[in-house]
Amino acid sequence: MSQTEVILTTLVPGLGAEADIVKVRRGHARNFLIPRGMAHEVTAGALRMTNSLKARRAEREARELNEAEELGRRLSKAKLSFVLETGESGKSFGAVTAKDIAEKLKAETGHEIDRHRISLERPLKESGDFTVDVRLHSEVHAKLKVSVTAKTPSAPAGEEEDEEGRKPRARRAPKKEADESSAA
């Protein structure tokens, strides 16, 4: 397995960022990274070019940090409300998950946040007010306020409870016997 060193010119997830010198397999460099302009071979001229790549990288990282801090300030002021269906005993049907929070954030604020960046130990199944941690950047975490309320179903009209508090069972209609005259 022959490897070669390349200088990355753009951010490549799982490999590195601009101006990083990384070792990759020769075929990956020759067939994928270099033709797409994502990397250059390590040469004397390319090493001199790394200074401009480092400046571009610092600028991109500063911009990402500023955007994350601004979004963090907005999220800290936001409060999301959810309603969970509950039974008569107070047990909830379903839960509020990180996916639900991400979808509601996108609908209300317009910012799309990956559900994996929302930290929940377990889904929220009880009513109350919660604070959820959202990782926006490696250095920026926002605290999002989430309110979960319970919605109890109302009894359908026409059903009354007996003296012990139980609802009457639904009565089945008698089965229709097959018409013997139509079968013959």
N, C-alpha and C. Protein backbone atom coordinates (compact mmCIF):
# COMPACT_ATOMS: atom_id res chain seq x y z
N MET A 1 0.84 -1.17 0.00
CA MET A 1 0.00 0.00 0.00
C MET A 1 0.88 1.23 0.00
N SER A 2 0.96 1.85 -1.12
CA SER A 2 1.79 3.03 -1.21
C SER A 2 0.98 4.26 -0.86
N GLN A 3 1.59 5.12 -0.07
CA GLN A 3 0.94 6.35 0.33
C GLN A 3 1.76 7.53 -0.14
N THR A 4 1.08 8.65 -0.26
CA THR A 4 1.74 9.86 -0.68
C THR A 4 1.23 11.02 0.17
N GLU A 5 1.98 12.08 0.23
CA GLU A 5 1.56 13.26 0.98
C GLU A 5 0.98 14.29 0.02
N VAL A 6 -0.13 14.90 0.46
CA VAL A 6 -0.75 15.95 -0.33
C VAL A 6 -1.06 17.13 0.59
N ILE A 7 -1.21 18.29 -0.02
CA ILE A 7 -1.61 19.50 0.71
C ILE A 7 -3.06 19.75 0.35
N LEU A 8 -3.92 19.77 1.33
CA LEU A 8 -5.34 20.00 1.08
C LEU A 8 -5.60 21.47 0.78
N THR A 9 -6.48 21.72 -0.18
CA THR A 9 -6.82 23.10 -0.54
C THR A 9 -8.20 23.49 -0.05
N THR A 10 -9.01 22.52 0.35
CA THR A 10 -10.34 22.79 0.89
C THR A 10 -10.56 21.88 2.10
N LEU A 11 -11.63 22.13 2.80
CA LEU A 11 -12.02 21.29 3.94
C LEU A 11 -12.55 19.97 3.39
N VAL A 12 -11.92 18.86 3.79
CA VAL A 12 -12.35 17.53 3.39
C VAL A 12 -12.76 16.80 4.66
N PRO A 13 -14.07 16.56 4.85
CA PRO A 13 -14.52 15.90 6.08
C PRO A 13 -13.84 14.53 6.27
N GLY A 14 -13.36 14.30 7.48
CA GLY A 14 -12.71 13.04 7.80
C GLY A 14 -11.25 12.98 7.41
N LEU A 15 -10.77 14.02 6.74
CA LEU A 15 -9.37 14.01 6.29
C LEU A 15 -8.60 15.21 6.83
N GLY A 16 -9.14 16.39 6.67
CA GLY A 16 -8.44 17.57 7.17
C GLY A 16 -9.01 18.85 6.58
N ALA A 17 -8.36 19.97 6.89
CA ALA A 17 -8.80 21.29 6.43
C ALA A 17 -7.73 21.89 5.53
N GLU A 18 -7.99 23.11 5.05
CA GLU A 18 -7.05 23.79 4.17
C GLU A 18 -5.67 23.85 4.81
N ALA A 19 -4.65 23.71 3.99
CA ALA A 19 -3.23 23.83 4.36
C ALA A 19 -2.72 22.65 5.19
N ASP A 20 -3.53 21.63 5.42
CA ASP A 20 -3.05 20.44 6.13
C ASP A 20 -2.28 19.55 5.16
N ILE A 21 -1.18 19.03 5.63
CA ILE A 21 -0.42 18.07 4.84
C ILE A 21 -0.76 16.69 5.42
N VAL A 22 -1.42 15.86 4.60
CA VAL A 22 -1.91 14.56 5.06
C VAL A 22 -1.36 13.45 4.16
N LYS A 23 -1.26 12.26 4.75
CA LYS A 23 -0.88 11.08 3.97
C LYS A 23 -2.14 10.35 3.57
N VAL A 24 -2.25 10.09 2.28
CA VAL A 24 -3.39 9.34 1.74
C VAL A 24 -2.85 8.30 0.78
N ARG A 25 -3.69 7.35 0.43
CA ARG A 25 -3.28 6.36 -0.56
C ARG A 25 -3.07 7.06 -1.90
N ARG A 26 -2.11 6.58 -2.63
CA ARG A 26 -1.73 7.21 -3.89
C ARG A 26 -2.91 7.27 -4.87
N GLY A 27 -3.69 6.19 -4.95
CA GLY A 27 -4.83 6.17 -5.88
C GLY A 27 -5.90 7.18 -5.50
N HIS A 28 -6.14 7.35 -4.20
CA HIS A 28 -7.13 8.33 -3.74
C HIS A 28 -6.69 9.74 -4.11
N ALA A 29 -5.42 10.02 -3.95
CA ALA A 29 -4.91 11.34 -4.31
C ALA A 29 -4.98 11.55 -5.82
N ARG A 30 -4.52 10.56 -6.58
CA ARG A 30 -4.41 10.69 -8.03
C ARG A 30 -5.79 10.71 -8.71
N ASN A 31 -6.73 9.91 -8.21
CA ASN A 31 -8.02 9.76 -8.89
C ASN A 31 -9.14 10.62 -8.32
N PHE A 32 -9.01 11.09 -7.09
CA PHE A 32 -10.12 11.81 -6.48
C PHE A 32 -9.73 13.22 -6.04
N LEU A 33 -8.75 13.34 -5.15
CA LEU A 33 -8.44 14.64 -4.54
C LEU A 33 -7.84 15.64 -5.54
N ILE A 34 -6.84 15.24 -6.25
CA ILE A 34 -6.14 16.17 -7.16
C ILE A 34 -7.01 16.57 -8.34
N PRO A 35 -7.71 15.65 -9.03
CA PRO A 35 -8.55 16.09 -10.16
C PRO A 35 -9.69 17.03 -9.76
N ARG A 36 -10.19 16.91 -8.56
CA ARG A 36 -11.29 17.77 -8.11
C ARG A 36 -10.79 19.08 -7.50
N GLY A 37 -9.49 19.27 -7.46
CA GLY A 37 -8.94 20.51 -6.92
C GLY A 37 -8.97 20.59 -5.41
N MET A 38 -9.11 19.45 -4.76
CA MET A 38 -9.18 19.42 -3.30
C MET A 38 -7.79 19.32 -2.68
N ALA A 39 -6.78 18.98 -3.48
CA ALA A 39 -5.42 18.82 -2.94
C ALA A 39 -4.41 19.04 -4.06
N HIS A 40 -3.15 19.30 -3.61
CA HIS A 40 -2.01 19.42 -4.51
C HIS A 40 -0.92 18.49 -4.01
N GLU A 41 -0.09 18.04 -4.91
CA GLU A 41 1.06 17.24 -4.50
C GLU A 41 2.01 18.13 -3.70
N VAL A 42 2.77 17.51 -2.80
CA VAL A 42 3.72 18.27 -2.00
C VAL A 42 4.96 18.54 -2.86
N THR A 43 5.13 19.82 -3.22
CA THR A 43 6.30 20.27 -3.97
C THR A 43 6.77 21.56 -3.31
N ALA A 44 7.92 22.05 -3.73
CA ALA A 44 8.46 23.29 -3.16
C ALA A 44 7.51 24.46 -3.42
N GLY A 45 6.96 24.55 -4.63
CA GLY A 45 6.04 25.63 -4.96
C GLY A 45 4.73 25.52 -4.18
N ALA A 46 4.26 24.29 -4.00
CA ALA A 46 3.01 24.08 -3.26
C ALA A 46 3.19 24.42 -1.78
N LEU A 47 4.36 24.13 -1.23
CA LEU A 47 4.62 24.47 0.17
C LEU A 47 4.62 25.98 0.39
N ARG A 48 5.10 26.75 -0.60
CA ARG A 48 5.06 28.21 -0.48
C ARG A 48 3.62 28.72 -0.54
N MET A 49 2.76 27.99 -1.24
CA MET A 49 1.37 28.38 -1.39
C MET A 49 0.56 28.15 -0.10
N THR A 50 1.07 27.36 0.81
CA THR A 50 0.31 27.01 2.01
C THR A 50 0.01 28.23 2.89
N ASN A 51 0.81 29.27 2.81
CA ASN A 51 0.54 30.48 3.61
C ASN A 51 -0.80 31.10 3.24
N SER A 52 -1.10 31.17 1.95
CA SER A 52 -2.39 31.73 1.54
C SER A 52 -3.53 30.78 1.95
N LEU A 53 -3.29 29.48 1.92
CA LEU A 53 -4.30 28.52 2.36
C LEU A 53 -4.56 28.63 3.85
N LYS A 54 -3.50 28.86 4.63
CA LYS A 54 -3.67 29.02 6.07
C LYS A 54 -4.47 30.28 6.40
N ALA A 55 -4.26 31.34 5.64
CA ALA A 55 -5.02 32.58 5.85
C ALA A 55 -6.49 32.34 5.51
N ARG A 56 -6.76 31.63 4.43
CA ARG A 56 -8.14 31.34 4.05
C ARG A 56 -8.82 30.45 5.10
N ARG A 57 -8.05 29.51 5.65
CA ARG A 57 -8.59 28.63 6.68
C ARG A 57 -8.95 29.41 7.94
N ALA A 58 -8.06 30.31 8.37
CA ALA A 58 -8.32 31.12 9.56
C ALA A 58 -9.56 31.99 9.36
N GLU A 59 -9.71 32.55 8.16
CA GLU A 59 -10.87 33.37 7.86
C GLU A 59 -12.16 32.55 7.92
N ARG A 60 -12.16 31.35 7.36
CA ARG A 60 -13.33 30.49 7.37
C ARG A 60 -13.70 30.07 8.80
N GLU A 61 -12.70 29.70 9.59
CA GLU A 61 -12.96 29.28 10.96
C GLU A 61 -13.50 30.43 11.81
N ALA A 62 -13.00 31.64 11.60
CA ALA A 62 -13.50 32.81 12.34
C ALA A 62 -14.94 33.11 11.94
N ARG A 63 -15.25 32.99 10.64
CA ARG A 63 -16.62 33.23 10.18
C ARG A 63 -17.58 32.19 10.76
N GLU A 64 -17.18 30.92 10.77
CA GLU A 64 -18.03 29.86 11.34
C GLU A 64 -18.27 30.09 12.83
N LEU A 65 -17.23 30.52 13.54
CA LEU A 65 -17.37 30.78 14.97
C LEU A 65 -18.33 31.94 15.23
N ASN A 66 -18.22 33.02 14.46
CA ASN A 66 -19.11 34.17 14.62
C ASN A 66 -20.56 33.79 14.32
N GLU A 67 -20.78 33.00 13.26
CA GLU A 67 -22.13 32.56 12.92
C GLU A 67 -22.70 31.68 14.02
N ALA A 68 -21.89 30.81 14.59
CA ALA A 68 -22.36 29.93 15.66
C ALA A 68 -22.70 30.72 16.92
N GLU A 69 -21.89 31.72 17.25
CA GLU A 69 -22.18 32.55 18.43
C GLU A 69 -23.46 33.34 18.26
N GLU A 70 -23.68 33.88 17.06
CA GLU A 70 -24.91 34.64 16.78
C GLU A 70 -26.13 33.72 16.87
N LEU A 71 -26.04 32.54 16.29
CA LEU A 71 -27.15 31.58 16.36
C LEU A 71 -27.38 31.13 17.80
N GLY A 72 -26.31 30.98 18.57
CA GLY A 72 -26.42 30.60 19.97
C GLY A 72 -27.17 31.64 20.78
N ARG A 73 -26.92 32.92 20.51
CA ARG A 73 -27.64 33.99 21.21
C ARG A 73 -29.14 33.95 20.87
N ARG A 74 -29.46 33.69 19.59
CA ARG A 74 -30.87 33.62 19.20
C ARG A 74 -31.56 32.41 19.82
N LEU A 75 -30.87 31.29 19.86
CA LEU A 75 -31.47 30.07 20.41
C LEU A 75 -31.66 30.19 21.92
N SER A 76 -30.78 30.90 22.60
CA SER A 76 -30.92 31.07 24.04
C SER A 76 -32.16 31.87 24.40
N LYS A 77 -32.62 32.72 23.49
CA LYS A 77 -33.81 33.53 23.73
C LYS A 77 -35.08 32.79 23.33
N ALA A 78 -34.96 31.77 22.49
CA ALA A 78 -36.14 31.05 21.97
C ALA A 78 -36.69 30.07 23.00
N LYS A 79 -37.99 29.81 22.89
CA LYS A 79 -38.64 28.82 23.74
C LYS A 79 -39.60 28.03 22.87
N LEU A 80 -39.42 26.73 22.82
CA LEU A 80 -40.26 25.85 22.02
C LEU A 80 -41.31 25.20 22.91
N SER A 81 -42.52 25.05 22.39
CA SER A 81 -43.61 24.42 23.14
C SER A 81 -44.09 23.20 22.39
N PHE A 82 -44.27 22.11 23.11
CA PHE A 82 -44.77 20.86 22.54
C PHE A 82 -45.96 20.40 23.37
N VAL A 83 -46.89 19.70 22.72
CA VAL A 83 -48.05 19.13 23.40
C VAL A 83 -48.03 17.63 23.18
N LEU A 84 -48.07 16.87 24.28
CA LEU A 84 -48.09 15.41 24.20
C LEU A 84 -49.48 14.89 24.55
N GLU A 85 -49.95 13.95 23.77
CA GLU A 85 -51.22 13.29 24.08
C GLU A 85 -51.00 12.41 25.30
N THR A 86 -51.94 12.46 26.23
CA THR A 86 -51.85 11.61 27.42
C THR A 86 -53.17 10.88 27.62
N GLY A 87 -53.09 9.75 28.27
CA GLY A 87 -54.28 8.98 28.59
C GLY A 87 -54.92 9.50 29.87
N GLU A 88 -55.96 8.83 30.27
CA GLU A 88 -56.67 9.26 31.48
C GLU A 88 -55.81 9.10 32.72
N SER A 89 -54.91 8.12 32.70
CA SER A 89 -54.06 7.90 33.86
C SER A 89 -52.88 8.87 33.91
N GLY A 90 -52.72 9.68 32.88
CA GLY A 90 -51.63 10.64 32.85
C GLY A 90 -50.40 10.16 32.10
N LYS A 91 -50.43 8.92 31.61
CA LYS A 91 -49.30 8.38 30.86
C LYS A 91 -49.30 8.96 29.45
N SER A 92 -48.12 9.39 29.01
CA SER A 92 -48.04 10.04 27.70
C SER A 92 -47.92 9.01 26.58
N PHE A 93 -48.47 9.39 25.44
CA PHE A 93 -48.34 8.59 24.23
C PHE A 93 -47.29 9.28 23.37
N GLY A 94 -46.15 8.65 23.20
CA GLY A 94 -45.10 9.26 22.41
C GLY A 94 -44.15 10.05 23.29
N ALA A 95 -43.24 10.77 22.63
CA ALA A 95 -42.24 11.56 23.34
C ALA A 95 -41.73 12.66 22.43
N VAL A 96 -41.06 13.63 23.02
CA VAL A 96 -40.41 14.69 22.26
C VAL A 96 -38.95 14.27 22.09
N THR A 97 -38.51 14.10 20.85
CA THR A 97 -37.16 13.64 20.56
C THR A 97 -36.33 14.78 19.97
N ALA A 98 -35.06 14.51 19.77
CA ALA A 98 -34.16 15.51 19.17
C ALA A 98 -34.63 15.85 17.75
N LYS A 99 -35.17 14.88 17.05
CA LYS A 99 -35.68 15.12 15.69
C LYS A 99 -36.86 16.09 15.73
N ASP A 100 -37.76 15.91 16.70
CA ASP A 100 -38.90 16.82 16.84
C ASP A 100 -38.43 18.24 17.14
N ILE A 101 -37.44 18.37 18.01
CA ILE A 101 -36.91 19.68 18.37
C ILE A 101 -36.27 20.34 17.15
N ALA A 102 -35.51 19.57 16.37
CA ALA A 102 -34.85 20.12 15.17
C ALA A 102 -35.88 20.59 14.15
N GLU A 103 -36.95 19.81 13.95
CA GLU A 103 -37.99 20.20 13.00
C GLU A 103 -38.72 21.47 13.46
N LYS A 104 -39.01 21.55 14.75
CA LYS A 104 -39.71 22.74 15.27
C LYS A 104 -38.81 23.97 15.19
N LEU A 105 -37.51 23.80 15.45
CA LEU A 105 -36.57 24.92 15.32
C LEU A 105 -36.54 25.44 13.88
N LYS A 106 -36.52 24.52 12.93
CA LYS A 106 -36.49 24.92 11.52
C LYS A 106 -37.77 25.66 11.15
N ALA A 107 -38.91 25.17 11.66
CA ALA A 107 -40.19 25.79 11.33
C ALA A 107 -40.33 27.18 11.97
N GLU A 108 -39.87 27.33 13.20
CA GLU A 108 -40.07 28.60 13.90
C GLU A 108 -38.98 29.63 13.66
N THR A 109 -37.72 29.19 13.58
CA THR A 109 -36.63 30.16 13.43
C THR A 109 -36.05 30.19 12.03
N GLY A 110 -36.27 29.14 11.26
CA GLY A 110 -35.72 29.09 9.91
C GLY A 110 -34.30 28.55 9.86
N HIS A 111 -33.71 28.23 11.00
CA HIS A 111 -32.35 27.70 11.03
C HIS A 111 -32.40 26.18 11.12
N GLU A 112 -31.71 25.53 10.19
CA GLU A 112 -31.69 24.07 10.20
C GLU A 112 -30.50 23.60 11.03
N ILE A 113 -30.81 22.83 12.08
CA ILE A 113 -29.78 22.30 12.96
C ILE A 113 -29.89 20.79 12.92
N ASP A 114 -28.76 20.14 12.75
CA ASP A 114 -28.74 18.68 12.69
C ASP A 114 -29.19 18.11 14.03
N ARG A 115 -30.02 17.09 13.99
CA ARG A 115 -30.56 16.51 15.22
C ARG A 115 -29.47 15.90 16.09
N HIS A 116 -28.34 15.54 15.51
CA HIS A 116 -27.25 14.96 16.29
C HIS A 116 -26.55 16.01 17.15
N ARG A 117 -26.77 17.28 16.86
CA ARG A 117 -26.17 18.35 17.65
C ARG A 117 -27.01 18.71 18.87
N ILE A 118 -28.21 18.14 18.97
CA ILE A 118 -29.09 18.40 20.11
C ILE A 118 -28.88 17.30 21.13
N SER A 119 -28.49 17.67 22.33
CA SER A 119 -28.15 16.69 23.38
C SER A 119 -29.36 16.41 24.27
N LEU A 120 -29.88 15.21 24.14
CA LEU A 120 -30.94 14.72 25.01
C LEU A 120 -30.48 13.39 25.59
N GLU A 121 -30.54 13.27 26.92
CA GLU A 121 -30.18 11.98 27.52
C GLU A 121 -31.17 10.92 27.08
N ARG A 122 -32.44 11.28 27.13
CA ARG A 122 -33.51 10.40 26.67
C ARG A 122 -34.66 11.29 26.21
N PRO A 123 -35.56 10.74 25.40
CA PRO A 123 -36.68 11.56 24.93
C PRO A 123 -37.52 12.09 26.09
N LEU A 124 -38.11 13.26 25.90
CA LEU A 124 -38.92 13.90 26.94
C LEU A 124 -40.32 13.31 26.90
N LYS A 125 -40.69 12.58 27.97
CA LYS A 125 -41.98 11.91 28.01
C LYS A 125 -42.93 12.51 29.04
N GLU A 126 -42.45 13.40 29.88
CA GLU A 126 -43.31 13.99 30.89
C GLU A 126 -43.44 15.48 30.64
N SER A 127 -44.49 16.06 31.19
CA SER A 127 -44.70 17.49 30.97
C SER A 127 -43.83 18.29 31.93
N GLY A 128 -43.51 19.51 31.50
CA GLY A 128 -42.69 20.39 32.31
C GLY A 128 -41.81 21.27 31.43
N ASP A 129 -40.94 22.03 32.07
CA ASP A 129 -40.00 22.89 31.36
C ASP A 129 -38.62 22.26 31.44
N PHE A 130 -37.93 22.22 30.31
CA PHE A 130 -36.62 21.59 30.22
C PHE A 130 -35.64 22.53 29.54
N THR A 131 -34.36 22.34 29.83
CA THR A 131 -33.29 23.06 29.15
C THR A 131 -32.47 22.03 28.38
N VAL A 132 -32.36 22.26 27.08
CA VAL A 132 -31.67 21.32 26.19
C VAL A 132 -30.40 21.98 25.67
N ASP A 133 -29.30 21.24 25.69
CA ASP A 133 -28.02 21.74 25.20
C ASP A 133 -27.92 21.48 23.70
N VAL A 134 -27.53 22.53 22.93
CA VAL A 134 -27.34 22.41 21.49
C VAL A 134 -25.90 22.78 21.19
N ARG A 135 -25.16 21.83 20.59
CA ARG A 135 -23.76 22.07 20.23
C ARG A 135 -23.71 22.67 18.82
N LEU A 136 -23.40 23.94 18.73
CA LEU A 136 -23.38 24.62 17.45
C LEU A 136 -21.99 24.62 16.81
N HIS A 137 -20.98 24.56 17.65
CA HIS A 137 -19.58 24.62 17.20
C HIS A 137 -18.79 23.95 18.31
N SER A 138 -17.55 23.63 18.05
CA SER A 138 -16.75 22.98 19.09
C SER A 138 -16.58 23.88 20.31
N GLU A 139 -16.69 25.19 20.12
CA GLU A 139 -16.51 26.14 21.22
C GLU A 139 -17.82 26.80 21.65
N VAL A 140 -18.93 26.56 20.94
CA VAL A 140 -20.19 27.25 21.22
C VAL A 140 -21.28 26.24 21.53
N HIS A 141 -21.90 26.40 22.70
CA HIS A 141 -23.05 25.60 23.12
C HIS A 141 -24.16 26.56 23.50
N ALA A 142 -25.38 26.25 23.07
CA ALA A 142 -26.53 27.08 23.40
C ALA A 142 -27.49 26.28 24.28
N LYS A 143 -28.15 26.99 25.17
CA LYS A 143 -29.17 26.38 26.03
C LYS A 143 -30.54 26.76 25.46
N LEU A 144 -31.30 25.77 25.06
CA LEU A 144 -32.61 25.97 24.47
C LEU A 144 -33.69 25.58 25.47
N LYS A 145 -34.69 26.44 25.64
CA LYS A 145 -35.77 26.15 26.58
C LYS A 145 -36.89 25.43 25.84
N VAL A 146 -37.31 24.30 26.41
CA VAL A 146 -38.36 23.49 25.81
C VAL A 146 -39.45 23.29 26.85
N SER A 147 -40.69 23.55 26.46
CA SER A 147 -41.83 23.37 27.34
C SER A 147 -42.71 22.26 26.79
N VAL A 148 -43.01 21.26 27.62
CA VAL A 148 -43.86 20.14 27.21
C VAL A 148 -45.11 20.17 28.08
N THR A 149 -46.27 20.21 27.45
CA THR A 149 -47.53 20.19 28.18
C THR A 149 -48.32 18.95 27.79
N ALA A 150 -49.20 18.52 28.68
CA ALA A 150 -50.00 17.32 28.46
C ALA A 150 -51.37 17.71 27.93
N LYS A 151 -51.85 16.91 26.99
CA LYS A 151 -53.19 17.10 26.45
C LYS A 151 -53.97 15.83 26.73
N THR A 152 -54.98 15.95 27.57
CA THR A 152 -55.77 14.77 27.91
C THR A 152 -56.94 14.67 26.96
N PRO A 153 -57.22 13.47 26.47
CA PRO A 153 -58.34 13.32 25.53
C PRO A 153 -59.67 13.46 26.26
N SER A 154 -60.65 14.02 25.59
CA SER A 154 -61.97 14.15 26.19
C SER A 154 -62.78 12.91 25.86
N ALA A 155 -63.71 12.54 26.74
CA ALA A 155 -64.51 11.35 26.52
C ALA A 155 -65.46 11.59 25.35
N PRO A 156 -65.60 10.61 24.44
CA PRO A 156 -66.52 10.77 23.31
C PRO A 156 -67.95 10.94 23.80
N ALA A 157 -68.74 11.69 23.06
CA ALA A 157 -70.13 11.94 23.44
C ALA A 157 -70.92 10.65 23.42
N GLY A 158 -71.83 10.49 24.36
CA GLY A 158 -72.69 9.32 24.40
C GLY A 158 -72.15 8.21 25.28
N GLU A 159 -70.91 8.31 25.73
CA GLU A 159 -70.35 7.28 26.60
C GLU A 159 -70.39 7.79 28.02
N GLU A 160 -71.03 7.07 28.86
CA GLU A 160 -71.11 7.45 30.26
C GLU A 160 -70.46 6.38 31.10
N GLU A 161 -69.94 6.78 32.21
CA GLU A 161 -69.28 5.83 33.09
C GLU A 161 -70.30 5.24 34.06
N ASP A 162 -70.07 4.00 34.50
CA ASP A 162 -70.95 3.41 35.50
C ASP A 162 -70.49 3.84 36.88
N GLU A 163 -71.08 3.29 37.93
CA GLU A 163 -70.79 3.76 39.28
C GLU A 163 -69.35 3.48 39.71
N GLU A 164 -68.65 2.50 39.12
CA GLU A 164 -67.26 2.24 39.48
C GLU A 164 -66.27 3.05 38.64
N GLY A 165 -66.75 3.88 37.74
CA GLY A 165 -65.87 4.72 36.93
C GLY A 165 -65.41 4.04 35.67
N ARG A 166 -66.03 2.92 35.30
CA ARG A 166 -65.64 2.22 34.07
C ARG A 166 -66.59 2.60 32.95
N LYS A 167 -66.04 2.58 31.75
CA LYS A 167 -66.87 2.84 30.59
C LYS A 167 -67.48 1.53 30.13
N PRO A 168 -68.70 1.56 29.63
CA PRO A 168 -69.31 0.32 29.15
C PRO A 168 -68.62 -0.17 27.89
N ARG A 169 -68.59 -1.48 27.75
CA ARG A 169 -67.98 -2.07 26.55
C ARG A 169 -68.88 -1.85 25.35
N ALA A 170 -68.26 -1.78 24.23
CA ALA A 170 -69.03 -1.65 23.00
C ALA A 170 -69.69 -2.99 22.70
N ARG A 171 -70.92 -2.93 22.30
CA ARG A 171 -71.64 -4.15 22.00
C ARG A 171 -71.45 -4.49 20.53
N ARG A 172 -71.21 -5.76 20.29
CA ARG A 172 -71.05 -6.19 18.91
C ARG A 172 -72.41 -6.42 18.27
N ALA A 173 -72.47 -6.10 17.04
CA ALA A 173 -73.70 -6.38 16.29
C ALA A 173 -73.73 -7.88 16.00
N PRO A 174 -74.91 -8.49 16.05
CA PRO A 174 -74.97 -9.93 15.76
C PRO A 174 -74.55 -10.19 14.32
N LYS A 175 -73.87 -11.32 14.14
CA LYS A 175 -73.40 -11.67 12.80
C LYS A 175 -74.61 -11.98 11.93
N LYS A 176 -74.52 -11.56 10.71
CA LYS A 176 -75.61 -11.82 9.77
C LYS A 176 -75.41 -13.20 9.20
N GLU A 177 -76.48 -13.98 9.24
CA GLU A 177 -76.38 -15.34 8.69
C GLU A 177 -76.55 -15.23 7.19
N ALA A 178 -75.81 -16.08 6.51
CA ALA A 178 -75.85 -16.07 5.04
C ALA A 178 -77.24 -16.47 4.58
N ASP A 179 -77.74 -15.78 3.63
CA ASP A 179 -79.04 -16.10 3.06
C ASP A 179 -78.94 -17.41 2.30
N GLU A 180 -79.71 -18.40 2.73
CA GLU A 180 -79.63 -19.70 2.07
C GLU A 180 -80.22 -19.63 0.68
N SER A 181 -81.14 -18.73 0.47
CA SER A 181 -81.76 -18.64 -0.85
C SER A 181 -80.79 -18.05 -1.88
N SER A 182 -79.88 -17.16 -1.45
CA SER A 182 -78.92 -16.58 -2.39
C SER A 182 -77.79 -17.55 -2.68
N ALA A 183 -77.53 -18.49 -1.76
CA ALA A 183 -76.46 -19.45 -1.96
C ALA A 183 -76.88 -20.54 -2.93
N ALA A 184 -78.18 -20.82 -3.06
CA ALA A 184 -78.65 -21.92 -3.90
C ALA A 184 -78.78 -21.56 -5.34
